[in-house]
Amino acid sequence: MKPGSLIASATINFGLALIVLSLFSIFKKQPSNAPIYYARRLSKRHHIPFDHSFTFSRFIPSVSWIPRAFRVTEDEILQISGLDALIIIRLFKFGINFFAVCSLIGLVILLPINYGGQDEPSRVSLSMDSFTISNVIRGSNRLWVHFTCLCFVSFYGLYLLYKEYDAILVKRIQRLRDLRHRPDQFTVLVRQIPLCLEHKGYDCSVDHFFSKYYPKSYHSHQMLYDGKEIENRLAKCVTKKIEELRGRSTVKKHGKECLLNDSTTGEDFLKITLLEEKVQEIFHEIRQIQGEHMLKGKELPVAFATFKSRCGAALAAQSQQNSHPLIMITEMAPQPKDVSWRSLAIPLKFMPLYKIGIIVLASLLTIFFAVPVTAVQGIAKFEKLKKWFPPAMAIELIPGVSSILTGFLPSAVLRGFLYIVPLAMLGIAQRGGSISKSKAEIEACNMVFYFLVGNVFFLSLISGSLLDEIGEYVSHPKNYPSHLASAVSAQADFFMTYILTDGLSGFSLEILQPALFLWDSIVLHTCGRGKDENPYLYSLPYYRIIPSVSLSILIGMVYAVVSPFLLPLLVGYFCLGYMVYVNQIEDVYETVYETCGRYWPYIHHYIFIAIILMQITMIGLFGLKSKPAASIATIPLLLMTIAFNEYCKIRFLPTFCHYSIQDASKHDELDQKNGQLKVNYEQASNAYRPPSLQPVTLTVSSLQI
């Protein structure tokens, strides 16, 4: 890629980011946009100081949200949205700390060495390759400087990883103590319950087992039922009642006012309200009385067992209950609002089939997206494109178009195709039988990350480098190593444009939320929002943020020693991302569930893969540069990195997977001193009622059209 193409990409992305961020700062000042840009604050009934007077300052872009983002502390984020949201912010901080140091080393040490790596100045071309390791001649002792920098970057990355793992572990333990009132700390999910032959049911089997083996700590249990039939009946009844009420009362929305039709008097409206309350009571009785009797014969071999102490629940969840490992399988229950009720109805014996189905669907999606990724690389390699498609030469007649075509368009098209991948992977993961929504999102994170590594990183490298040089390799096989080394280094240009597009344009559009803004504008100017301006509440999309940011870390690490020019762009990428997501966490996204930091072990694994790929890449490049001693010297570094990861698995991972007996006992003692232990476990016993037994909520506002 020519420098002009990279400059064109940077210019377009900087310009778009400036325009989008300016629009965001203006839109955020408008009171009518509060449901979009202050959704979380509105849901919490926080006061938002708007300037309702029509002043010129409301339509001038400002940067006040930027210093405010840097003033927000980690404790405030932890208090607002929990540890999972804080992990997102710490991931951006990790990127800033790591790549700021790497940028200093790369620009001060590696860049001059790469640029002056040729003995013959005439061979230095006007290309970005002049600043990469490909410009260093084969066998040069300057490559030992690259080896030294590789060692420093590796050890610094491992140090930061260990430091983050340890800090987040401490915060997880503190967070579990602060949230000790949560019902999931007292509750155990029990699956594969054996059928009681005497009573022909699962309910008594659960009660007999835990009463016998956990007599002091067991409190009660809640069975799960196959309630599809009664849910359908209730839905039909609710629909009929709603239609009846709608026939008597027509609600008209316009702007912020909600007016009843003229034919409806206040007395009629009062009768409808009383009727609604009566319907509410009737449906509640249906669920409690009729539901329990009808569903008695539709018990599932799944239950939530509640214990009188966290210690008892932790012991039961982390122990094998039966000599047959597939009977009475126990684990800590997820939060009530995190439970995936449909997945719990899936028999455990079918779970392997669901897992295989997920793998097949994810693989098919990966293969399908290989086509657009390869096409994108064809656009990026315009010189090759002219040989394959001669009419493309006409583009060069228009000044600047070829630079835009090869610099900005490939990364923009790629980001457009990749936008739907996280949503598709989440949909696949949600049908994989995960017992909770959080586990489904974690599975989606894994699938999206490996998809991005395979399609964006490796496939871009192969289709953009190796395939372009196949003819040269066949005609001159002796030059294969040098061509491969040059091709690998040359792909740094494409990844520079990818980081620019993903960072500047991607983060800017994230904070602007243009699709939601357009939808809100359409609703506002057609049927109106109504009296209650309900905010557009969404949970933080971990499945989209974590894989994308982790891929940027991987790209930066792999090219940290190869192409130092990429590193300053990554510093800007993580700084902008930090500001954007602090704003989003504070004002926009709502916390639906909290895993207390269980995302971090996966992030740690992604960064570990990035360090391993960096070292393997350098082993190959040192060999291709006729420096076998440096390649051999890198192997112990690789083994040390693997040993470090194994140590972290032993040292940190168990605490993220289990609830330690020590912590559970300490939390029980705190509750006993405060007199809250009984209150907490009694609340937990009523927290896991299945949807078929939960009361229906019918309100007048829900009937408005």
Foldseek 3Di string as FASTA:
>chain_A
DFPLLQVLLLVVLQVLLVVLQQVLQLLVLDPLCQLFQFQLCVVVVHDDDHDPDDDPVSNGGDDVLQVVLVVDDLVNLCVQFRLVLSVLLVLLVLLLVLLVVLLVCLVPPQQVCQLPQDPDVVPQDNHLSSRFNLSHFFPDPSVVVLLVSLLVSLVVNLVSLVVVLVVLLVLLLVVCLVVVLFLLLFKKKWAQQDADPVVRHRQVSVVVQCCVPVVQWFDHKAFDFPCPVVVVVVVVVVVVLLVVLCVQWAWAFAAQAIDTDPVADPVNVVVNQVVLVVVLVVQLCCLAPVVCVVRRVGTHRMMMTGTLFSLSLQVLQPDQSDPPNSYTHMHRAFGQLFFDSVLSRDHPVCLVVLVVVLVVVLVVVLVVVLVLLLVLLLQLPVVVVCVVPVVSVVLVVDPPRSSCRNRAVSLVVVVVVLPCQLVVLLVSLSSNSDRGSVVSLLSLLVSSLVSCCVRVPPSSLCSNQVVSCVVVCVVPVVCVLSSSLSSNLSCVSVVLSNLSCCQSVVLSCVLSVVVVVVVSVVCCVPRRCYNDNNRPEDADNCSPSLSVSLVNLLSCLLCSSGRSVSSVSSSSSSSSNSSSSSSCSNRHYHHSGDLSPLSSVVSSVSNLVSSLNSLVSSLSSSVSSNNNVSNVVSVVVNVVSVVSNVVCCVVRVVVSRGPDSVSRVVSRVVCVVVVCSNVSSVVSNPSNHDPSNDRDDDDPVVSHD
